[in-house]
N, C-alpha and C. Protein backbone atom coordinates (compact mmCIF):
# COMPACT_ATOMS: atom_id res chain seq x y z
N MET A 1 -90.48 111.95 -117.79
CA MET A 1 -90.79 110.56 -117.52
C MET A 1 -90.55 109.75 -118.78
N GLN A 2 -89.92 108.61 -118.60
CA GLN A 2 -89.68 107.71 -119.73
C GLN A 2 -90.88 106.77 -119.88
N THR A 3 -91.29 106.55 -121.12
CA THR A 3 -92.41 105.65 -121.37
C THR A 3 -92.01 104.42 -122.17
N THR A 4 -90.71 104.29 -122.47
CA THR A 4 -90.23 103.06 -123.09
C THR A 4 -89.21 102.43 -122.17
N SER A 5 -89.17 101.11 -122.21
CA SER A 5 -88.26 100.37 -121.35
C SER A 5 -87.87 99.09 -122.07
N THR A 6 -86.67 98.60 -121.79
CA THR A 6 -86.20 97.36 -122.38
C THR A 6 -86.37 96.23 -121.37
N ILE A 7 -87.21 95.27 -121.70
CA ILE A 7 -87.43 94.10 -120.85
C ILE A 7 -86.41 93.03 -121.25
N THR A 8 -85.75 92.45 -120.25
CA THR A 8 -84.80 91.36 -120.49
C THR A 8 -85.36 90.10 -119.85
N CYS A 9 -85.51 89.06 -120.66
CA CYS A 9 -86.04 87.78 -120.17
C CYS A 9 -84.98 87.08 -119.32
N PRO A 10 -85.33 86.69 -118.10
CA PRO A 10 -84.35 86.00 -117.25
C PRO A 10 -84.06 84.57 -117.71
N LYS A 11 -84.93 84.01 -118.56
CA LYS A 11 -84.72 82.64 -119.03
C LYS A 11 -83.77 82.58 -120.22
N CYS A 12 -84.05 83.39 -121.24
CA CYS A 12 -83.24 83.29 -122.47
C CYS A 12 -82.31 84.48 -122.69
N GLY A 13 -82.51 85.57 -121.94
CA GLY A 13 -81.68 86.75 -122.11
C GLY A 13 -82.11 87.66 -123.25
N GLY A 14 -83.19 87.29 -123.94
CA GLY A 14 -83.70 88.11 -125.03
C GLY A 14 -84.20 89.45 -124.51
N THR A 15 -84.05 90.49 -125.32
CA THR A 15 -84.51 91.81 -124.93
C THR A 15 -85.54 92.33 -125.93
N SER A 16 -86.47 93.11 -125.40
CA SER A 16 -87.49 93.74 -126.23
C SER A 16 -87.78 95.12 -125.68
N VAL A 17 -87.83 96.12 -126.56
CA VAL A 17 -88.19 97.47 -126.16
C VAL A 17 -89.71 97.57 -126.22
N GLU A 18 -90.31 97.99 -125.11
CA GLU A 18 -91.77 98.10 -125.01
C GLU A 18 -92.17 99.49 -124.55
N THR A 19 -93.34 99.93 -124.99
CA THR A 19 -93.93 101.17 -124.52
C THR A 19 -94.76 100.84 -123.29
N MET A 20 -94.47 101.54 -122.19
CA MET A 20 -95.18 101.28 -120.94
C MET A 20 -96.47 102.09 -120.89
N PRO A 21 -97.56 101.47 -120.46
CA PRO A 21 -98.79 102.25 -120.27
C PRO A 21 -98.63 103.17 -119.07
N THR A 22 -99.27 104.33 -119.12
CA THR A 22 -99.18 105.26 -118.00
C THR A 22 -100.35 105.09 -117.04
N ASP A 23 -101.34 104.28 -117.43
CA ASP A 23 -102.55 104.15 -116.62
C ASP A 23 -102.85 102.72 -116.19
N ALA A 24 -101.91 101.81 -116.40
CA ALA A 24 -102.14 100.41 -116.05
C ALA A 24 -100.80 99.70 -115.89
N CYS A 25 -100.83 98.55 -115.22
CA CYS A 25 -99.63 97.73 -115.06
C CYS A 25 -99.68 96.54 -116.00
N TRP A 26 -98.52 96.04 -116.33
CA TRP A 26 -98.43 94.77 -117.03
C TRP A 26 -98.03 93.74 -115.98
N PHE A 27 -98.97 92.89 -115.62
CA PHE A 27 -98.71 91.86 -114.62
C PHE A 27 -98.10 90.62 -115.26
N PHE A 28 -98.30 90.47 -116.56
CA PHE A 28 -97.77 89.33 -117.31
C PHE A 28 -97.14 89.84 -118.59
N TYR A 29 -96.12 89.13 -119.03
CA TYR A 29 -95.47 89.49 -120.29
C TYR A 29 -94.95 88.21 -120.92
N ASP A 30 -95.32 87.96 -122.17
CA ASP A 30 -94.83 86.80 -122.90
C ASP A 30 -93.57 87.19 -123.66
N CYS A 31 -92.45 86.54 -123.33
CA CYS A 31 -91.18 86.82 -123.99
C CYS A 31 -91.33 86.57 -125.49
N ARG A 32 -90.91 87.53 -126.27
CA ARG A 32 -91.01 87.42 -127.73
C ARG A 32 -89.98 86.45 -128.30
N HIS A 33 -89.01 86.06 -127.48
CA HIS A 33 -87.93 85.20 -127.98
C HIS A 33 -88.13 83.73 -127.63
N CYS A 34 -88.52 83.44 -126.38
CA CYS A 34 -88.66 82.04 -125.97
C CYS A 34 -90.09 81.67 -125.54
N GLY A 35 -90.96 82.68 -125.41
CA GLY A 35 -92.36 82.40 -125.09
C GLY A 35 -92.69 82.24 -123.61
N VAL A 36 -91.69 82.32 -122.72
CA VAL A 36 -91.97 82.17 -121.30
C VAL A 36 -92.85 83.34 -120.83
N LYS A 37 -93.78 83.05 -119.93
CA LYS A 37 -94.64 84.09 -119.38
C LYS A 37 -93.99 84.65 -118.12
N LEU A 38 -93.62 85.93 -118.17
CA LEU A 38 -93.00 86.59 -117.02
C LEU A 38 -94.07 87.15 -116.11
N ARG A 39 -93.82 87.07 -114.82
CA ARG A 39 -94.68 87.64 -113.78
C ARG A 39 -93.79 88.48 -112.88
N PRO A 40 -94.33 89.52 -112.24
CA PRO A 40 -93.50 90.33 -111.36
C PRO A 40 -92.87 89.50 -110.24
N LEU A 41 -91.66 89.87 -109.86
CA LEU A 41 -91.02 89.23 -108.72
C LEU A 41 -91.71 89.69 -107.44
N SER A 42 -91.57 88.92 -106.39
CA SER A 42 -92.17 89.28 -105.11
C SER A 42 -91.73 90.67 -104.69
N GLY A 43 -92.69 91.51 -104.35
CA GLY A 43 -92.40 92.88 -103.93
C GLY A 43 -92.45 93.89 -105.04
N ASP A 44 -92.50 93.44 -106.29
CA ASP A 44 -92.61 94.35 -107.43
C ASP A 44 -94.05 94.40 -107.92
N CYS A 45 -94.41 95.53 -108.51
CA CYS A 45 -95.80 95.71 -108.93
C CYS A 45 -96.07 95.23 -110.35
N CYS A 46 -95.03 95.16 -111.19
CA CYS A 46 -95.28 94.80 -112.58
C CYS A 46 -94.00 94.25 -113.21
N VAL A 47 -94.12 93.75 -114.43
CA VAL A 47 -92.95 93.16 -115.10
C VAL A 47 -91.88 94.20 -115.43
N PHE A 48 -92.27 95.46 -115.61
CA PHE A 48 -91.26 96.49 -115.87
C PHE A 48 -90.38 96.70 -114.65
N CYS A 49 -90.98 96.69 -113.47
CA CYS A 49 -90.21 96.90 -112.25
C CYS A 49 -89.31 95.70 -111.95
N SER A 50 -89.67 94.52 -112.44
CA SER A 50 -88.88 93.32 -112.19
C SER A 50 -87.82 93.04 -113.25
N PHE A 51 -88.13 93.29 -114.51
CA PHE A 51 -87.26 92.80 -115.59
C PHE A 51 -86.81 93.85 -116.60
N ALA A 52 -87.13 95.11 -116.37
CA ALA A 52 -86.78 96.13 -117.36
C ALA A 52 -85.76 97.13 -116.81
N ASP A 53 -85.20 97.90 -117.71
CA ASP A 53 -84.17 98.87 -117.32
C ASP A 53 -84.75 100.18 -116.80
N VAL A 54 -86.06 100.40 -116.98
CA VAL A 54 -86.73 101.59 -116.48
C VAL A 54 -87.99 101.14 -115.76
N PRO A 55 -88.21 101.59 -114.51
CA PRO A 55 -89.43 101.19 -113.80
C PRO A 55 -90.67 101.83 -114.42
N CYS A 56 -91.83 101.33 -114.06
CA CYS A 56 -93.09 101.80 -114.62
C CYS A 56 -93.34 103.27 -114.27
N PRO A 57 -94.17 103.98 -115.07
CA PRO A 57 -94.42 105.40 -114.84
C PRO A 57 -94.90 105.75 -113.42
N PRO A 58 -95.79 105.00 -112.78
CA PRO A 58 -96.16 105.38 -111.41
C PRO A 58 -94.99 105.35 -110.43
N ILE A 59 -94.09 104.40 -110.58
CA ILE A 59 -92.91 104.34 -109.72
C ILE A 59 -91.97 105.50 -110.04
N GLN A 60 -91.82 105.83 -111.32
CA GLN A 60 -90.99 106.98 -111.70
C GLN A 60 -91.53 108.26 -111.06
N GLU A 61 -92.85 108.44 -111.12
CA GLU A 61 -93.48 109.63 -110.53
C GLU A 61 -93.25 109.68 -109.03
N ALA A 62 -93.39 108.56 -108.36
CA ALA A 62 -93.19 108.52 -106.92
C ALA A 62 -91.74 108.86 -106.57
N GLN A 63 -90.80 108.35 -107.35
CA GLN A 63 -89.39 108.63 -107.11
C GLN A 63 -89.09 110.12 -107.30
N GLN A 64 -89.69 110.72 -108.33
CA GLN A 64 -89.45 112.14 -108.61
C GLN A 64 -90.05 113.04 -107.54
N SER A 65 -91.21 112.65 -107.02
CA SER A 65 -91.89 113.50 -106.04
C SER A 65 -91.48 113.20 -104.60
N GLY A 66 -90.78 112.09 -104.41
CA GLY A 66 -90.38 111.70 -103.06
C GLY A 66 -91.52 111.06 -102.28
N SER A 67 -92.59 110.71 -102.97
CA SER A 67 -93.75 110.05 -102.33
C SER A 67 -93.46 108.58 -102.12
N PRO A 68 -94.19 107.97 -101.20
CA PRO A 68 -94.07 106.51 -101.08
C PRO A 68 -94.46 105.89 -102.43
N SER A 69 -93.71 104.88 -102.83
CA SER A 69 -93.98 104.30 -104.14
C SER A 69 -95.24 103.45 -104.13
N GLY A 70 -96.23 103.94 -104.82
CA GLY A 70 -97.47 103.20 -105.02
C GLY A 70 -97.64 103.01 -106.50
N CYS A 71 -97.72 101.78 -106.92
CA CYS A 71 -97.75 101.51 -108.36
C CYS A 71 -99.17 101.40 -108.87
N CYS A 72 -99.38 101.98 -110.01
CA CYS A 72 -100.60 101.82 -110.79
C CYS A 72 -101.86 102.09 -109.96
N GLY A 73 -101.84 103.18 -109.27
CA GLY A 73 -103.01 103.59 -108.50
C GLY A 73 -103.07 103.02 -107.10
N ALA A 74 -102.18 102.10 -106.77
CA ALA A 74 -102.18 101.52 -105.42
C ALA A 74 -101.29 102.36 -104.52
N GLY A 75 -101.58 102.34 -103.22
CA GLY A 75 -100.72 103.01 -102.27
C GLY A 75 -101.04 104.41 -102.16
């Protein structure tokens, strides 16, 4: 399982490598480049699933096990 992911801001295109928590979701993320507050897109559980190159650890686990994807303890 990967625990780092690169978030790309949809407003300015800035990228930041972040360590993803394995026991919680990030529902908000402040872009380090332009300051915009990112929120998950509709249908996504967290900012990693919406704006990063690697989905959050709970989604990764669900994909590996073939389980229905339940993020951060949900589902």
